[in-house]
Amino acid sequence: MLGGPGETRQTVMQSLEFMDSLNLEAMKITAGIRIYPNTLIAKTAVQEGMVKAEDPLLMPTFYIREELKSWLLETIPTWAAARPNCFY
């Protein structure tokens, strides 16, 4: 899961490099973190204006740092495309 609170381009790249070093048969990467009610990430999303406090979050809603959103959504597919064991 990439793009959570506090994530930066540098930490994303560190995570991708770490995944490469594991030599896994398969790996799944997701952009963003599912927001569930009454969680710390839900409180953060409310504070940042991503969701409203009264939102029941019944439909899947994902937290992705706004500063990273477009970069992350371009970088992950490109990175994953070069790795046949990676699912995005």
Protein backbone atom coordinates (compact mmCIF):
# COMPACT_ATOMS: atom_id res chain seq x y z
CA MET A 1 0.00 0.00 0.00
CA LEU A 2 1.59 3.22 -1.15
CA GLY A 3 0.53 6.84 -0.78
CA GLY A 4 -0.52 6.86 2.87
CA PRO A 5 -0.10 9.69 5.37
CA GLY A 6 3.50 10.87 5.53
CA GLU A 7 4.48 9.06 2.33
CA THR A 8 6.92 10.85 0.02
CA ARG A 9 8.40 10.08 -3.37
CA GLN A 10 11.54 8.98 -1.56
CA THR A 11 9.70 6.54 0.72
CA VAL A 12 7.75 5.13 -2.25
CA MET A 13 10.99 4.50 -4.12
CA GLN A 14 12.53 2.91 -1.01
CA SER A 15 9.52 0.59 -0.76
CA LEU A 16 9.78 -0.38 -4.44
CA GLU A 17 13.51 -1.06 -4.08
CA PHE A 18 12.82 -3.19 -1.01
CA MET A 19 10.18 -5.18 -2.90
CA ASP A 20 12.71 -5.85 -5.66
CA SER A 21 15.25 -7.10 -3.11
CA LEU A 22 12.84 -9.77 -1.82
CA ASN A 23 12.80 -11.76 -5.09
CA LEU A 24 9.19 -12.78 -4.51
CA GLU A 25 7.30 -15.08 -6.85
CA ALA A 26 4.40 -12.64 -6.78
CA MET A 27 3.62 -9.26 -5.23
CA LYS A 28 0.60 -6.98 -5.19
CA ILE A 29 0.92 -3.22 -5.06
CA THR A 30 -1.94 -0.86 -4.30
CA ALA A 31 -2.05 2.89 -4.62
CA GLY A 32 -3.80 4.22 -1.57
CA ILE A 33 -5.18 2.79 1.64
CA ARG A 34 -8.83 1.88 2.15
CA ILE A 35 -10.49 4.21 4.63
CA TYR A 36 -12.64 2.43 7.19
CA PRO A 37 -14.90 4.24 9.67
CA ASN A 38 -13.60 5.01 13.15
CA THR A 39 -9.94 4.53 12.27
CA LEU A 40 -6.96 6.83 12.53
CA ILE A 41 -6.73 7.07 8.75
CA ALA A 42 -10.42 8.07 8.64
CA LYS A 43 -9.72 10.87 11.12
CA THR A 44 -6.74 11.98 9.04
CA ALA A 45 -8.86 11.95 5.86
CA VAL A 46 -11.50 14.09 7.59
CA GLN A 47 -8.86 16.57 8.80
CA GLU A 48 -7.45 16.81 5.27
CA GLY A 49 -10.90 17.25 3.71
CA MET A 50 -10.88 13.98 1.75
CA VAL A 51 -14.08 12.75 3.39
CA LYS A 52 -16.73 14.25 5.66
CA ALA A 53 -16.99 13.18 9.29
CA GLU A 54 -20.54 11.91 8.72
CA ASP A 55 -19.57 9.83 5.67
CA PRO A 56 -20.40 6.18 6.51
CA LEU A 57 -17.67 5.00 4.09
CA LEU A 58 -19.82 2.13 2.86
CA MET A 59 -18.45 2.52 -0.65
CA PRO A 60 -14.71 1.87 -0.91
CA THR A 61 -12.83 5.12 -0.43
CA PHE A 62 -9.06 5.31 -0.54
CA TYR A 63 -6.55 7.67 1.02
CA ILE A 64 -3.78 8.80 -1.31
CA ARG A 65 -1.67 11.80 -0.39
CA GLU A 66 -2.77 14.56 -2.72
CA GLU A 67 0.84 15.62 -3.33
CA LEU A 68 1.64 12.14 -4.67
CA LYS A 69 -1.55 11.15 -6.43
CA SER A 70 -0.73 11.84 -10.09
CA TRP A 71 2.94 10.84 -9.73
CA LEU A 72 2.04 7.61 -7.92
CA LEU A 73 -0.64 6.66 -10.44
CA GLU A 74 1.96 7.03 -13.23
CA THR A 75 4.94 5.49 -11.43
CA ILE A 76 3.41 2.28 -10.10
CA PRO A 77 2.06 0.92 -13.42
CA THR A 78 5.36 1.71 -15.15
CA TRP A 79 7.35 0.03 -12.39
CA ALA A 80 5.02 -2.99 -12.27
CA ALA A 81 5.04 -3.43 -16.07
CA ALA A 82 8.75 -4.28 -15.95
CA ARG A 83 8.12 -7.03 -13.38
CA PRO A 84 6.02 -9.98 -14.53
CA ASN A 85 5.60 -11.12 -10.93
CA CYS A 86 4.00 -7.83 -9.88
CA PHE A 87 0.25 -7.22 -9.89
CA TYR A 88 -1.17 -3.73 -9.81
